[in-house]
Amino acid sequence: MAEGCALVTGSARGIGAASAMALAESGWPVAINYRSDAGGAEGVAEAIGAAGGEAVAIQADVCDPDAVGELFRAAEERFGPVLVLINNAGMRADGLAPQLGDDEWERVLETNLSAAFRVTRRALKPMIRARFGRVVNIASVVGLRANAGQANYAASKAGLIGFTKTVAVEVARRGVTVNAVAPGFVETQLTDGVGNNGLLESIPARRPGTAEEIASCVRFLASEDASYVTGTTLTVDGGLSA
């Protein structure tokens, strides 16, 4: 394992928290980023520490370009360069396209796509210097198949998948891989209420996924075992998009 750390954005709960725990189990010191849930982030850090790992909670709004720089400086001062980046921070503001306001559109695109671009841009230079890096973007099955009422969310996640492919090609010769995980319906605070529109009944597995199941895929893509996997999107959806 290279000398450095993992950074998981939006990791105070849900898929981000589970991914931070999984990476810590793999031996990575983890920077747990949060915007407002300090208690949740500290709880994740404490759980990692109790299990014998290393973690620190760092507050930063990844939509703020200046905060991104501070986030990386804090992680680097504590653990060294960020060599594993999980872009997990995200939000929803659902509504049918004719009723979506500009603010609802822009906030979702800024959080889910533009912030991931800025964080990735900051992470890549140290990764390229180290000739090792892992970027995993948390996309969504909604970026691959329609889900009425989520035009903004779908656009942001489809954009994230396209971004993943392009950056992967740009850095592949430098030992850096860039992949995406596209979860289906996973029971987290972010998806609260989504299953009420009949989505659950359309899943062949007939159940929602868990944050830990998504985190297992994140851990694989961040590992040495996935060194020849880049530019791909791993769909984890119980057969929803089959």
Protein backbone atom coordinates (compact mmCIF):
# COMPACT_ATOMS: atom_id res chain seq x y z
CA MET A 1 0.00 0.00 0.00
CA ALA A 2 1.28 3.45 -0.93
CA GLU A 3 1.98 6.01 1.80
CA GLY A 4 -1.00 8.30 2.09
CA CYS A 5 -4.66 8.34 3.00
CA ALA A 6 -8.20 8.03 1.75
CA LEU A 7 -10.70 10.90 1.62
CA VAL A 8 -14.43 10.25 1.51
CA THR A 9 -16.65 13.26 0.89
CA GLY A 10 -20.03 13.37 2.56
CA SER A 11 -19.17 10.49 4.87
CA ALA A 12 -21.01 11.30 8.08
CA ARG A 13 -23.63 8.66 7.29
CA GLY A 14 -24.95 6.24 4.69
CA ILE A 15 -22.81 5.04 1.81
CA GLY A 16 -20.05 7.50 2.65
CA ALA A 17 -19.76 6.30 6.24
CA ALA A 18 -19.82 2.65 5.18
CA SER A 19 -17.14 3.34 2.55
CA ALA A 20 -14.93 5.08 5.12
CA MET A 21 -15.26 2.08 7.41
CA ALA A 22 -14.44 -0.34 4.58
CA LEU A 23 -11.34 1.60 3.53
CA ALA A 24 -10.15 1.77 7.12
CA GLU A 25 -10.54 -2.00 7.37
CA SER A 26 -8.28 -2.23 4.32
CA GLY A 27 -5.61 -0.27 6.19
CA TRP A 28 -6.10 3.26 4.89
CA PRO A 29 -6.10 6.22 7.26
CA VAL A 30 -9.34 7.99 6.40
CA ALA A 31 -10.33 11.66 6.25
CA ILE A 32 -14.07 11.81 6.89
CA ASN A 33 -15.51 14.90 5.25
CA TYR A 34 -18.81 16.42 6.32
CA ARG A 35 -20.67 19.67 5.68
CA SER A 36 -22.96 19.98 8.72
CA ASP A 37 -23.32 16.65 10.57
CA ALA A 38 -20.36 16.94 12.93
CA GLY A 39 -21.79 14.39 15.33
CA GLY A 40 -22.22 11.78 12.62
CA ALA A 41 -18.72 12.32 11.25
CA GLU A 42 -17.12 12.16 14.68
CA GLY A 43 -19.06 8.98 15.37
CA VAL A 44 -17.68 7.35 12.21
CA ALA A 45 -14.15 8.43 13.16
CA GLU A 46 -14.58 7.03 16.65
CA ALA A 47 -15.89 3.72 15.30
CA ILE A 48 -12.88 3.42 13.00
CA GLY A 49 -10.53 4.19 15.88
CA ALA A 50 -12.24 1.64 18.11
CA ALA A 51 -11.69 -0.98 15.41
CA GLY A 52 -7.96 -0.19 15.29
CA GLY A 53 -7.93 2.19 12.34
CA GLU A 54 -7.05 5.85 11.92
CA ALA A 55 -9.53 8.54 10.99
CA VAL A 56 -10.20 12.23 11.36
CA ALA A 57 -13.39 14.19 10.72
CA ILE A 58 -12.90 17.35 8.63
CA GLN A 59 -15.61 19.93 8.02
CA ALA A 60 -15.78 21.41 4.53
CA ASP A 61 -18.50 22.29 2.06
CA VAL A 62 -17.15 20.77 -1.16
CA CYS A 63 -19.26 23.21 -3.17
CA ASP A 64 -16.92 25.96 -1.95
CA PRO A 65 -13.68 25.95 -4.00
CA ASP A 66 -11.72 27.53 -1.14
CA ALA A 67 -13.00 24.94 1.32
CA VAL A 68 -11.80 22.15 -0.97
CA GLY A 69 -8.23 23.42 -0.65
CA GLU A 70 -8.52 23.60 3.13
CA LEU A 71 -9.98 20.10 3.23
CA PHE A 72 -6.99 18.66 1.41
CA ARG A 73 -4.49 20.61 3.48
CA ALA A 74 -6.03 19.28 6.69
CA ALA A 75 -5.99 15.69 5.41
CA GLU A 76 -2.43 15.98 4.12
CA GLU A 77 -1.11 17.49 7.35
CA ARG A 78 -2.59 14.60 9.31
CA PHE A 79 -1.98 11.60 7.06
CA GLY A 80 0.00 12.60 3.95
CA PRO A 81 -1.23 12.79 0.36
CA VAL A 82 -4.75 11.73 -0.55
CA LEU A 83 -4.24 8.67 -2.74
CA VAL A 84 -7.78 7.31 -2.55
CA LEU A 85 -10.68 9.67 -3.22
CA ILE A 86 -14.34 8.71 -2.91
CA ASN A 87 -16.64 11.41 -4.30
CA ASN A 88 -19.77 10.60 -2.36
CA ALA A 89 -21.22 13.98 -1.34
CA GLY A 90 -24.62 14.40 -2.95
CA MET A 91 -28.12 15.78 -2.65
CA ARG A 92 -31.60 15.54 -4.13
CA ALA A 93 -34.21 18.17 -4.91
CA ASP A 94 -36.88 16.16 -6.70
CA GLY A 95 -39.69 17.43 -8.89
CA LEU A 96 -41.10 16.93 -12.36
CA ALA A 97 -39.12 18.86 -14.96
CA PRO A 98 -41.83 21.46 -15.70
CA GLN A 99 -41.90 22.41 -12.01
CA LEU A 100 -38.15 22.36 -11.27
CA GLY A 101 -36.79 25.78 -10.43
CA ASP A 102 -33.39 27.08 -11.46
CA ASP A 103 -32.16 26.90 -7.88
CA GLU A 104 -33.18 23.23 -7.54
CA TRP A 105 -31.41 22.43 -10.79
CA GLU A 106 -28.24 24.35 -10.00
CA ARG A 107 -27.82 23.15 -6.40
CA VAL A 108 -28.05 19.49 -7.42
CA LEU A 109 -25.64 19.89 -10.35
CA GLU A 110 -23.22 21.91 -8.21
CA THR A 111 -23.18 19.39 -5.37
CA ASN A 112 -23.26 16.14 -7.32
CA LEU A 113 -21.14 17.03 -10.34
CA SER A 114 -19.21 20.30 -10.12
CA ALA A 115 -17.98 19.61 -6.61
CA ALA A 116 -16.77 16.16 -7.66
CA PHE A 117 -14.84 17.79 -10.51
CA ARG A 118 -13.12 20.29 -8.19
CA VAL A 119 -12.24 17.69 -5.58
CA THR A 120 -10.91 15.30 -8.22
CA ARG A 121 -8.87 18.05 -9.86
CA ARG A 122 -7.20 18.80 -6.52
CA ALA A 123 -6.53 15.11 -5.83
CA LEU A 124 -5.01 14.15 -9.16
CA LYS A 125 -1.69 16.00 -9.03
CA PRO A 126 -0.42 14.22 -5.88
CA MET A 127 -1.70 10.92 -7.26
CA ILE A 128 0.14 11.44 -10.53
CA ARG A 129 3.32 12.32 -8.64
CA ALA A 130 2.98 9.15 -6.58
CA ARG A 131 2.12 7.14 -9.71
CA PHE A 132 -0.70 5.63 -7.70
CA GLY A 133 -4.25 6.79 -7.17
CA ARG A 134 -7.81 5.60 -6.90
CA VAL A 135 -10.83 7.80 -7.60
CA VAL A 136 -14.27 6.30 -7.11
CA ASN A 137 -17.30 8.42 -7.94
CA ILE A 138 -20.63 7.49 -6.41
CA ALA A 139 -23.06 7.82 -9.32
CA SER A 140 -26.54 6.27 -9.47
CA VAL A 141 -28.61 3.89 -11.53
CA VAL A 142 -30.74 6.99 -12.19
CA GLY A 143 -27.87 8.19 -14.38
CA LEU A 144 -28.47 5.12 -16.56
CA ARG A 145 -32.27 4.69 -16.50
CA ALA A 146 -35.14 7.12 -16.13
CA ASN A 147 -36.79 7.86 -12.81
CA ALA A 148 -39.56 10.42 -13.14
CA GLY A 149 -39.16 13.43 -10.90
CA GLN A 150 -35.36 13.36 -10.84
CA ALA A 151 -34.27 15.16 -14.02
CA ASN A 152 -31.70 17.23 -12.14
CA TYR A 153 -30.37 14.27 -10.15
CA ALA A 154 -30.23 12.08 -13.27
CA ALA A 155 -28.39 14.75 -15.23
CA SER A 156 -25.83 15.16 -12.45
CA LYS A 157 -25.20 11.43 -12.16
CA ALA A 158 -25.07 10.84 -15.91
CA GLY A 159 -22.58 13.70 -16.09
CA LEU A 160 -20.55 12.10 -13.33
CA ILE A 161 -20.36 8.85 -15.31
CA GLY A 162 -19.16 10.72 -18.41
CA PHE A 163 -16.65 12.64 -16.30
CA THR A 164 -15.39 9.35 -14.85
CA LYS A 165 -14.71 7.85 -18.28
CA THR A 166 -12.88 10.88 -19.63
CA VAL A 167 -10.62 11.47 -16.63
CA ALA A 168 -9.81 7.75 -16.50
CA VAL A 169 -8.43 7.92 -20.04
CA GLU A 170 -6.42 11.03 -19.22
CA VAL A 171 -4.55 9.53 -16.25
CA ALA A 172 -4.44 5.80 -17.00
CA ARG A 173 -0.72 5.78 -17.84
CA ARG A 174 0.11 7.36 -14.48
CA GLY A 175 -1.07 4.49 -12.31
CA VAL A 176 -4.30 6.29 -11.42
CA THR A 177 -7.66 4.62 -11.91
CA VAL A 178 -10.99 6.43 -12.05
CA ASN A 179 -14.22 4.47 -11.75
CA ALA A 180 -17.82 4.93 -10.70
CA VAL A 181 -20.24 2.90 -8.65
CA ALA A 182 -23.90 3.27 -9.58
CA PRO A 183 -26.09 2.16 -6.68
CA GLY A 184 -29.72 1.33 -7.20
CA PHE A 185 -32.22 1.85 -4.42
CA VAL A 186 -30.25 1.79 -1.17
CA GLU A 187 -31.94 2.59 2.12
CA THR A 188 -30.24 5.76 3.35
CA GLN A 189 -31.39 9.19 4.46
CA LEU A 190 -30.79 10.50 0.91
CA THR A 191 -33.26 8.02 -0.60
CA ASP A 192 -35.99 8.53 2.00
CA GLY A 193 -39.33 8.43 0.18
CA VAL A 194 -37.95 7.24 -3.17
CA GLY A 195 -39.28 3.69 -2.70
CA ASN A 196 -42.82 5.02 -2.36
CA ASN A 197 -43.14 5.57 -6.12
CA GLY A 198 -43.18 1.85 -6.97
CA LEU A 199 -39.44 1.59 -7.52
CA LEU A 200 -39.04 -1.18 -4.95
CA GLU A 201 -41.49 -3.44 -6.77
CA SER A 202 -39.47 -3.09 -9.99
CA ILE A 203 -36.24 -4.42 -8.45
CA PRO A 204 -35.71 -8.08 -9.47
CA ALA A 205 -34.03 -8.81 -6.13
CA ARG A 206 -37.19 -7.50 -4.40
CA ARG A 207 -35.27 -5.64 -1.75
CA PRO A 208 -33.25 -2.47 -1.33
CA GLY A 209 -29.49 -2.61 -1.15
CA THR A 210 -27.45 -1.71 1.90
CA ALA A 211 -24.75 0.90 2.32
CA GLU A 212 -22.32 -1.89 3.22
CA GLU A 213 -22.98 -3.67 -0.08
CA ILE A 214 -22.08 -0.51 -1.98
CA ALA A 215 -19.03 0.04 0.24
CA SER A 216 -17.73 -3.44 -0.61
CA CYS A 217 -17.62 -2.43 -4.27
CA VAL A 218 -15.93 0.85 -3.41
CA ARG A 219 -13.31 -1.04 -1.42
CA PHE A 220 -12.60 -3.33 -4.38
CA LEU A 221 -12.19 -0.45 -6.83
CA ALA A 222 -9.79 1.25 -4.38
CA SER A 223 -7.68 -1.87 -3.99
CA GLU A 224 -4.61 -3.21 -5.76
CA ASP A 225 -6.83 -5.98 -7.13
CA ALA A 226 -8.58 -3.39 -9.29
CA SER A 227 -5.41 -1.91 -10.80
CA TYR A 228 -6.52 -2.83 -14.34
CA VAL A 229 -10.08 -1.59 -13.89
CA THR A 230 -10.55 2.01 -14.99
CA GLY A 231 -13.14 4.11 -16.76
CA THR A 232 -15.94 1.75 -15.84
CA THR A 233 -19.19 2.04 -13.94
CA LEU A 234 -20.04 -0.80 -11.57
CA THR A 235 -23.82 -1.02 -11.27
CA VAL A 236 -25.01 -2.36 -7.92
CA ASP A 237 -28.79 -2.37 -8.14
CA GLY A 238 -30.28 -5.82 -7.55
CA GLY A 239 -30.96 -6.19 -11.27
CA LEU A 240 -32.95 -2.94 -11.64
CA SER A 241 -31.14 -1.83 -14.80
CA ALA A 242 -30.79 -5.32 -16.34
